[in-house]
Amino acid sequence: MNITYWQIIRDDSKRTFEVISKTTNDNAFTNRTHAMQKAGMNVSCMTPPVTNKTASKELIKLAGYTKEEGLNDRLMKQYSEILRSIDPW
């Protein structure tokens, strides 16, 4: 049985989050978040299961966090800039 998970990225500095997508395999997502953390970014991820109460991503709420559309794109851009500053090639 495959369980489907939501991919949620959080910016812990600004206390914002974005629900990215559903997946049955979250390895790449968690590895990418871990790489961002190693680069010094204050981010975290969550992969809660999709349930009847959270069937729609609009229903997902995190206490103390506000939704930010485009958060994942912003974080990926910031991460890319960090990598370029470390290794320009």
Protein backbone atom coordinates (compact mmCIF):
# COMPACT_ATOMS: atom_id res chain seq x y z
CA MET A 1 0.00 0.00 0.00
CA ASN A 2 1.41 3.35 -1.01
CA ILE A 3 0.80 6.22 1.38
CA THR A 4 0.62 9.69 -0.11
CA TYR A 5 2.32 12.56 1.71
CA TRP A 6 2.14 16.32 1.44
CA GLN A 7 5.44 18.12 0.90
CA ILE A 8 5.53 21.21 3.12
CA ILE A 9 8.53 23.55 3.21
CA ARG A 10 8.91 26.05 6.06
CA ASP A 11 11.03 29.18 6.33
CA ASP A 12 11.66 29.26 10.07
CA SER A 13 13.21 32.75 9.94
CA LYS A 14 10.09 34.40 8.50
CA ARG A 15 7.66 31.84 9.97
CA THR A 16 6.08 31.08 6.60
CA PHE A 17 5.23 27.83 4.84
CA GLU A 18 4.09 26.51 1.50
CA VAL A 19 2.40 23.24 0.60
CA ILE A 20 4.24 22.14 -2.53
CA SER A 21 2.65 18.90 -3.73
CA LYS A 22 1.64 15.33 -2.93
CA THR A 23 4.06 12.45 -3.30
CA THR A 24 4.54 8.82 -2.36
CA ASN A 25 8.34 9.19 -2.11
CA ASP A 26 9.74 12.20 -0.26
CA ASN A 27 13.46 11.30 -0.39
CA ALA A 28 14.52 14.01 -2.86
CA PHE A 29 12.48 16.64 -1.03
CA THR A 30 13.95 15.88 2.40
CA ASN A 31 17.47 15.58 0.99
CA ARG A 32 17.16 18.98 -0.71
CA THR A 33 15.89 20.55 2.53
CA HIS A 34 18.79 19.00 4.45
CA ALA A 35 21.25 20.42 1.90
CA MET A 36 19.72 23.87 2.41
CA GLN A 37 20.15 23.51 6.16
CA LYS A 38 23.81 22.52 5.72
CA ALA A 39 24.28 25.64 3.59
CA GLY A 40 23.13 27.73 6.58
CA MET A 41 19.51 28.34 5.64
CA ASN A 42 16.92 28.29 8.44
CA VAL A 43 14.40 25.99 6.73
CA SER A 44 12.63 22.78 7.62
CA CYS A 45 10.23 20.39 5.97
CA MET A 46 7.25 18.29 6.88
CA THR A 47 5.70 15.33 5.11
CA PRO A 48 2.38 14.61 6.82
CA PRO A 49 0.12 11.97 5.27
CA VAL A 50 -2.82 12.99 3.11
CA THR A 51 -6.01 12.26 5.05
CA ASN A 52 -9.69 13.04 4.64
CA LYS A 53 -9.23 16.13 6.82
CA THR A 54 -6.29 17.36 4.71
CA ALA A 55 -7.41 16.19 1.26
CA SER A 56 -7.04 19.74 -0.07
CA LYS A 57 -3.83 21.70 0.42
CA GLU A 58 -5.90 24.81 1.25
CA LEU A 59 -7.05 23.05 4.44
CA ILE A 60 -3.51 22.66 5.81
CA LYS A 61 -2.58 25.11 8.53
CA LEU A 62 0.49 25.30 10.77
CA ALA A 63 0.30 27.02 14.15
CA GLY A 64 2.51 30.11 14.23
CA TYR A 65 3.16 30.08 10.46
CA THR A 66 1.50 31.94 7.59
CA LYS A 67 1.16 30.72 4.02
CA GLU A 68 3.50 32.22 1.43
CA GLU A 69 2.89 31.48 -2.23
CA GLY A 70 6.16 30.99 -4.08
CA LEU A 71 8.16 30.20 -0.94
CA ASN A 72 9.77 27.13 -2.46
CA ASP A 73 10.89 29.11 -5.53
CA ARG A 74 12.33 31.86 -3.33
CA LEU A 75 14.21 29.38 -1.17
CA MET A 76 15.56 27.49 -4.19
CA LYS A 77 16.80 30.79 -5.67
CA GLN A 78 18.45 31.72 -2.37
CA TYR A 79 20.06 28.26 -2.14
CA SER A 80 21.33 28.54 -5.71
CA GLU A 81 22.92 31.92 -4.91
CA ILE A 82 24.63 30.43 -1.84
CA LEU A 83 26.05 27.60 -3.93
CA ARG A 84 27.32 30.01 -6.58
CA SER A 85 29.04 32.14 -3.94
CA ILE A 86 30.83 29.05 -2.59
CA ASP A 87 31.81 27.56 -5.94
CA PRO A 88 31.51 29.95 -8.93
CA TRP A 89 32.10 27.14 -11.40
